[in-house]
Amino acid sequence: EDNPAKGNDLKALYGALFEPELRPFSHWGWTDLDTIWGDLRVFLTPNLLSSYDVISAPDGGRPALYLSGQLTVFKNVEIWRKFWMGCIKGPGHVNYQGCYVQGFLSEANLYHDEKVAIWYAALRNARIWVDFSMQLISKRWAALNSRQLLRQDGKLLVVTDGKTRGLPSADVERANMAVHQLQNRSDCFNEFGEGWSYVCVAAEPKLDDSFGIAYEIDAKKGGLRLWPSPLRSRNDSLIEFAVMHLHRDKKRFSFDANMVSSPSWACNKLDESSGIHCRGLQSTADLPVAVDAAEHFPIPNIVHFVLTDRDTRFFDWPCYAEI
């Protein structure tokens, strides 16, 4: 029986499977079809791309470190095209004796792209940047007290009321203390058994979210370090994101026919239970707030993404995007 979600396990293989296509690119990565991208150049800066082997923007759905199925980028070198090969050793590995390559042949979805891949990368001494503030999800949109989303000049912008006091914030010191308290916890994901699971991290209590913190995983420099990752404010009324994951909202997502050919979009969501509707805007004069002209950021090369979606069958997946 077909299991469309199984395709997510194969994301880790794309660097090797598409090696000839990747030769002109400095990086490769994976994403999903149910995403709306913003201007990745604001977030995937030259410094970040050159400093880290793996960059990921999880949705914060679990209070743990994992690679995002919506936006994860690897350096395009041999080790990170084939990082998934071999076995990982450690107590508690009950599935495939740690040789998860065997799981690619199973019909079951192992969530390899999120749950397993981060262990393979970390145990190969990858320098990993996990930033929970790049991605917009429904509850973060609601936390911003906003009902409107804009896409202008490739930028993905949430329109706020301009009152920064109402924006989500994170206490890095408290999060750091929480990580130390959680260091022996393995119940944020327990599929691997006791003693071998995800690194649990703190969640902001009111939002139940890990928003506002970036985690640096670097075995050569002392393991895990926390960094502040504030909201990207364009001005008092606009907060910028790299990507939006529609997830459950995709079944309630609608748009006007003119959106496809329009240079700008405006999307509205009335409340947490309602769907998202987007319409095209024909000129900047139609924007509800002023948006600064697009910034131009130097980027060392180009990132090659392979798009997948758990609701799509295997033979419908020849989708690429180049930026």
Protein backbone atom coordinates (compact mmCIF):
# COMPACT_ATOMS: atom_id res chain seq x y z
CA GLU A 1 0.00 0.00 0.00
CA ASP A 2 1.31 3.45 -0.92
CA ASN A 3 2.36 5.71 1.94
CA PRO A 4 2.84 9.24 0.56
CA ALA A 5 4.46 10.41 3.80
CA LYS A 6 7.29 7.93 3.22
CA GLY A 7 8.71 10.32 0.67
CA ASN A 8 9.89 12.58 3.47
CA ASP A 9 12.34 9.88 4.52
CA LEU A 10 14.00 10.18 1.12
CA LYS A 11 14.85 13.87 1.42
CA ALA A 12 18.23 13.04 2.96
CA LEU A 13 19.13 11.09 -0.19
CA TYR A 14 18.60 13.97 -2.62
CA GLY A 15 22.11 15.37 -2.27
CA ALA A 16 23.51 12.07 -3.55
CA LEU A 17 20.72 11.23 -6.01
CA PHE A 18 20.95 14.62 -7.72
CA GLU A 19 24.70 15.09 -7.45
CA PRO A 20 25.15 15.88 -11.19
CA GLU A 21 22.42 18.54 -11.03
CA LEU A 22 23.98 20.02 -7.89
CA ARG A 23 27.47 20.62 -9.31
CA PRO A 24 26.95 24.34 -10.05
CA PHE A 25 25.59 25.02 -6.58
CA SER A 26 27.30 25.81 -3.30
CA HIS A 27 24.41 24.41 -1.22
CA TRP A 28 21.47 22.06 -1.50
CA GLY A 29 18.43 21.62 0.68
CA TRP A 30 14.91 20.34 1.08
CA THR A 31 11.51 21.87 1.61
CA ASP A 32 7.79 21.05 1.24
CA LEU A 33 5.19 22.00 -1.31
CA ASP A 34 2.83 23.47 1.29
CA THR A 35 5.10 26.44 1.98
CA ILE A 36 5.20 30.09 0.95
CA TRP A 37 8.72 31.44 0.69
CA GLY A 38 9.94 34.87 1.58
CA ASP A 39 13.29 36.46 0.70
CA LEU A 40 15.74 33.80 1.83
CA ARG A 41 18.68 36.14 1.25
CA VAL A 42 17.71 38.02 4.39
CA PHE A 43 18.07 34.84 6.45
CA LEU A 44 20.56 32.65 4.57
CA THR A 45 23.28 35.27 4.69
CA PRO A 46 26.75 34.71 3.21
CA ASN A 47 28.19 34.58 6.73
CA LEU A 48 25.69 31.94 7.87
CA LEU A 49 26.12 29.84 4.71
CA SER A 50 29.90 29.86 5.00
CA SER A 51 30.00 29.27 8.77
CA TYR A 52 27.69 26.26 9.13
CA ASP A 53 27.47 22.88 7.46
CA VAL A 54 23.73 22.62 8.10
CA ILE A 55 21.17 25.42 8.56
CA SER A 56 17.61 24.60 9.56
CA ALA A 57 14.43 26.50 10.45
CA PRO A 58 12.08 24.18 12.38
CA ASP A 59 8.46 25.06 13.02
CA GLY A 60 8.79 24.53 16.79
CA GLY A 61 6.12 21.86 16.78
CA ARG A 62 8.15 19.89 19.31
CA PRO A 63 10.32 21.32 22.11
CA ALA A 64 13.41 19.62 20.73
CA LEU A 65 16.20 20.07 18.22
CA TYR A 66 15.35 18.58 14.85
CA LEU A 67 15.89 19.44 11.20
CA SER A 68 13.05 21.27 9.52
CA GLY A 69 11.14 19.50 6.80
CA GLN A 70 10.27 22.91 5.36
CA LEU A 71 13.68 24.62 5.24
CA THR A 72 16.98 22.80 5.73
CA VAL A 73 20.18 23.63 3.82
CA PHE A 74 23.47 21.70 3.56
CA LYS A 75 26.85 22.66 2.16
CA ASN A 76 27.24 20.96 -1.19
CA VAL A 77 30.28 18.82 -0.38
CA GLU A 78 30.71 15.06 -0.39
CA ILE A 79 30.17 14.43 3.31
CA TRP A 80 26.90 16.37 3.47
CA ARG A 81 25.53 14.83 0.30
CA LYS A 82 26.04 11.38 1.82
CA PHE A 83 25.84 12.08 5.55
CA TRP A 84 23.06 9.49 5.95
CA MET A 85 25.26 6.49 5.07
CA GLY A 86 26.36 3.92 7.61
CA CYS A 87 25.18 3.39 11.17
CA ILE A 88 25.12 5.50 14.31
CA LYS A 89 26.08 3.82 17.55
CA GLY A 90 24.78 4.46 21.02
CA PRO A 91 22.66 3.01 23.81
CA GLY A 92 18.96 2.82 23.20
CA HIS A 93 19.07 2.32 19.45
CA VAL A 94 16.38 -0.27 19.00
CA ASN A 95 15.42 0.51 15.38
CA TYR A 96 17.62 -1.16 12.74
CA GLN A 97 20.44 -1.39 15.31
CA GLY A 98 21.24 2.21 14.46
CA CYS A 99 21.60 1.45 10.73
CA TYR A 100 18.73 3.64 9.61
CA VAL A 101 19.66 3.32 5.95
CA GLN A 102 17.68 0.09 6.14
CA GLY A 103 14.63 2.14 7.01
CA PHE A 104 14.56 3.64 3.53
CA LEU A 105 13.29 0.27 2.31
CA SER A 106 10.51 0.10 4.88
CA GLU A 107 6.99 1.29 4.10
CA ALA A 108 6.80 3.05 7.45
CA ASN A 109 7.52 6.75 7.64
CA LEU A 110 10.47 7.23 10.02
CA TYR A 111 10.44 11.03 9.77
CA HIS A 112 14.06 10.63 8.74
CA ASP A 113 14.28 14.19 7.44
CA GLU A 114 13.48 15.64 10.85
CA LYS A 115 14.07 13.08 13.57
CA VAL A 116 16.96 10.93 12.34
CA ALA A 117 18.95 13.20 10.02
CA ILE A 118 20.03 15.58 12.78
CA TRP A 119 21.74 12.71 14.63
CA TYR A 120 23.61 11.59 11.53
CA ALA A 121 24.78 15.15 10.89
CA ALA A 122 25.72 15.86 14.52
CA LEU A 123 27.65 12.60 14.93
CA ARG A 124 29.66 13.50 11.83
CA ASN A 125 30.71 16.68 13.62
CA ALA A 126 28.56 18.99 11.53
CA ARG A 127 28.36 22.57 12.66
CA ILE A 128 24.58 23.08 12.74
CA TRP A 129 22.48 26.23 13.11
CA VAL A 130 18.88 25.59 14.22
CA ASP A 131 16.83 28.80 14.19
CA PHE A 132 13.25 28.68 15.44
CA SER A 133 12.47 32.26 14.38
CA MET A 134 12.75 32.01 10.60
CA GLN A 135 9.51 30.15 10.00
CA LEU A 136 5.98 31.49 10.30
CA ILE A 137 3.35 29.03 11.49
CA SER A 138 -0.27 29.58 12.39
CA LYS A 139 0.17 30.00 16.14
CA ARG A 140 3.05 32.44 15.69
CA TRP A 141 0.92 34.48 13.32
CA ALA A 142 -1.81 34.53 15.98
CA ALA A 143 0.72 35.47 18.68
CA LEU A 144 1.60 38.58 16.69
CA ASN A 145 -2.00 39.76 17.04
CA SER A 146 -2.15 40.04 13.27
CA ARG A 147 -4.70 39.01 10.71
CA GLN A 148 -2.82 40.08 7.60
CA LEU A 149 0.17 38.73 5.70
CA LEU A 150 1.85 40.43 2.73
CA ARG A 151 4.22 39.20 0.05
CA GLN A 152 5.98 42.08 -1.65
CA ASP A 153 9.23 42.00 -3.67
CA GLY A 154 9.67 38.40 -2.56
CA LYS A 155 9.42 39.32 1.11
CA LEU A 156 7.02 37.56 3.48
CA LEU A 157 5.70 40.13 5.95
CA VAL A 158 3.27 39.98 8.86
CA VAL A 159 1.43 43.25 9.46
CA THR A 160 1.24 44.10 13.16
CA ASP A 161 -0.37 46.93 15.09
CA GLY A 162 3.04 48.51 15.68
CA LYS A 163 2.98 47.82 19.41
CA THR A 164 6.19 45.86 19.92
CA ARG A 165 5.25 45.14 23.53
CA GLY A 166 2.77 42.60 22.21
CA LEU A 167 5.32 40.67 20.17
CA PRO A 168 6.68 37.30 21.31
CA SER A 169 9.99 37.49 23.13
CA ALA A 170 12.45 35.00 24.53
CA ASP A 171 14.63 34.98 27.64
CA VAL A 172 17.95 33.49 26.50
CA GLU A 173 19.32 33.12 30.04
CA ARG A 174 16.23 31.27 31.19
CA ALA A 175 16.29 29.09 28.06
CA ASN A 176 19.95 28.29 28.69
CA MET A 177 19.18 27.22 32.26
CA ALA A 178 16.27 25.12 31.02
CA VAL A 179 18.48 23.32 28.51
CA HIS A 180 20.91 22.37 31.28
CA GLN A 181 18.02 21.08 33.38
CA LEU A 182 16.70 19.11 30.42
CA GLN A 183 20.04 17.63 29.35
CA ASN A 184 19.20 14.19 30.73
CA ARG A 185 15.67 14.21 29.36
CA SER A 186 14.84 12.10 26.34
CA ASP A 187 11.07 12.19 26.39
CA CYS A 188 10.55 15.05 23.94
CA PHE A 189 10.93 12.30 21.33
CA ASN A 190 11.17 8.73 22.59
CA GLU A 191 11.03 6.67 19.41
CA PHE A 192 14.68 5.68 19.80
CA GLY A 193 14.30 4.38 23.32
CA GLU A 194 15.83 5.47 26.59
CA GLY A 195 19.18 7.19 26.41
CA TRP A 196 19.11 8.00 22.73
CA SER A 197 16.65 10.62 21.66
CA TYR A 198 16.42 14.27 20.81
CA VAL A 199 17.98 17.14 22.71
CA CYS A 200 15.03 18.63 24.58
CA VAL A 201 14.82 22.42 24.65
CA ALA A 202 12.66 24.89 26.50
CA ALA A 203 9.37 26.17 25.15
CA GLU A 204 7.87 29.56 25.92
CA PRO A 205 5.09 28.64 28.38
CA LYS A 206 2.30 30.91 27.13
CA LEU A 207 2.79 30.09 23.45
CA ASP A 208 4.09 26.54 23.88
CA ASP A 209 6.72 27.48 21.32
CA SER A 210 10.51 27.63 21.06
CA PHE A 211 10.39 30.97 19.26
CA GLY A 212 13.19 33.51 19.72
CA ILE A 213 16.20 31.23 20.22
CA ALA A 214 18.75 29.79 17.81
CA TYR A 215 20.80 26.75 18.79
CA GLU A 216 24.33 26.13 17.59
CA ILE A 217 25.44 22.50 17.61
CA ASP A 218 29.23 22.29 17.32
CA ALA A 219 31.06 19.33 18.85
CA LYS A 220 34.45 20.92 18.19
CA LYS A 221 33.57 24.04 20.21
CA GLY A 222 31.77 22.58 23.16
CA GLY A 223 28.54 21.03 21.99
CA LEU A 224 25.41 23.15 22.30
CA ARG A 225 25.21 26.94 22.56
CA LEU A 226 22.20 29.24 22.59
CA TRP A 227 21.92 32.55 20.77
CA PRO A 228 19.16 35.16 20.67
CA SER A 229 17.21 35.08 17.44
CA PRO A 230 14.87 38.06 17.51
CA LEU A 231 12.08 38.84 15.13
CA ARG A 232 13.22 40.48 11.90
CA SER A 233 11.47 43.83 12.05
CA ARG A 234 11.29 45.78 8.81
CA ASN A 235 9.71 48.70 10.63
CA ASP A 236 7.27 49.25 13.48
CA SER A 237 4.46 47.51 11.61
CA LEU A 238 6.14 44.70 9.65
CA ILE A 239 7.82 41.48 10.79
CA GLU A 240 9.65 39.43 8.18
CA PHE A 241 9.88 35.63 7.88
CA ALA A 242 11.81 33.32 5.58
CA VAL A 243 9.04 30.81 5.00
CA MET A 244 5.48 30.03 6.01
CA HIS A 245 4.32 26.46 6.51
CA LEU A 246 0.62 26.12 5.69
CA HIS A 247 0.44 22.64 7.21
CA ARG A 248 -3.15 22.08 8.35
CA ASP A 249 -4.20 25.43 6.88
CA LYS A 250 -3.49 24.21 3.35
CA LYS A 251 -6.88 22.49 3.23
CA ARG A 252 -8.49 25.86 4.00
CA PHE A 253 -6.23 27.97 1.79
CA SER A 254 -7.86 29.90 -1.05
CA PHE A 255 -6.80 32.67 -3.41
CA ASP A 256 -8.17 34.89 -6.14
CA ALA A 257 -7.30 34.06 -9.73
CA ASN A 258 -5.40 37.34 -10.15
CA MET A 259 -2.90 36.41 -7.44
CA VAL A 260 -0.80 34.31 -9.83
CA SER A 261 0.03 37.26 -12.09
CA SER A 262 0.17 39.94 -9.40
CA PRO A 263 3.45 41.39 -8.09
CA SER A 264 2.15 41.54 -4.53
CA TRP A 265 -0.22 39.52 -2.35
CA ALA A 266 -2.30 40.26 0.70
CA CYS A 267 -3.51 37.31 2.77
CA ASN A 268 -6.01 37.42 5.60
CA LYS A 269 -6.87 35.05 8.40
CA LEU A 270 -9.74 36.18 10.59
CA ASP A 271 -8.99 33.94 13.56
CA GLU A 272 -7.23 30.72 14.57
CA SER A 273 -10.08 28.55 13.31
CA SER A 274 -10.64 30.24 9.95
CA GLY A 275 -8.89 29.57 6.67
CA ILE A 276 -6.43 31.79 4.81
CA HIS A 277 -7.50 33.76 1.74
CA CYS A 278 -5.03 35.61 -0.50
CA ARG A 279 -5.66 38.16 -3.22
CA GLY A 280 -3.37 39.80 -5.73
CA LEU A 281 -2.47 43.48 -5.55
CA GLN A 282 -1.74 45.31 -8.79
CA SER A 283 0.43 48.08 -7.36
CA THR A 284 2.19 49.16 -4.19
CA ALA A 285 -0.54 51.76 -3.76
CA ASP A 286 -2.87 48.88 -2.85
CA LEU A 287 -0.66 47.78 0.07
CA PRO A 288 -2.18 48.44 3.50
CA VAL A 289 1.19 49.67 4.83
CA ALA A 290 4.33 51.00 3.20
CA VAL A 291 7.00 48.42 2.39
CA ASP A 292 10.59 49.52 1.88
CA ALA A 293 12.21 48.82 -1.47
CA ALA A 294 13.75 45.39 -1.79
CA GLU A 295 17.24 45.06 -0.37
CA HIS A 296 19.92 43.32 -2.38
CA PHE A 297 22.11 40.91 -0.48
CA PRO A 298 25.21 39.28 -1.96
CA ILE A 299 24.94 35.51 -1.84
CA PRO A 300 27.98 33.32 -2.60
CA ASN A 301 26.14 31.05 -4.98
CA ILE A 302 22.74 29.55 -5.34
CA VAL A 303 20.77 27.06 -3.27
CA HIS A 304 19.11 24.13 -5.00
CA PHE A 305 15.99 22.82 -3.30
CA VAL A 306 14.01 19.66 -3.95
CA LEU A 307 10.37 20.08 -3.02
CA THR A 308 8.36 17.24 -1.55
CA ASP A 309 5.05 16.86 0.17
CA ARG A 310 3.66 14.08 2.29
CA ASP A 311 0.34 14.25 0.43
CA THR A 312 1.96 13.67 -2.96
CA ARG A 313 2.69 10.31 -4.53
CA PHE A 314 6.23 9.31 -5.42
CA PHE A 315 5.88 9.53 -9.18
CA ASP A 316 4.61 13.13 -8.98
CA TRP A 317 7.81 14.55 -7.51
CA PRO A 318 10.03 15.97 -10.29
CA CYS A 319 9.88 19.44 -8.68
CA TYR A 320 12.85 21.77 -8.31
CA ALA A 321 13.36 25.37 -7.32
CA GLU A 322 16.53 27.39 -7.80
CA ILE A 323 17.21 30.68 -6.07
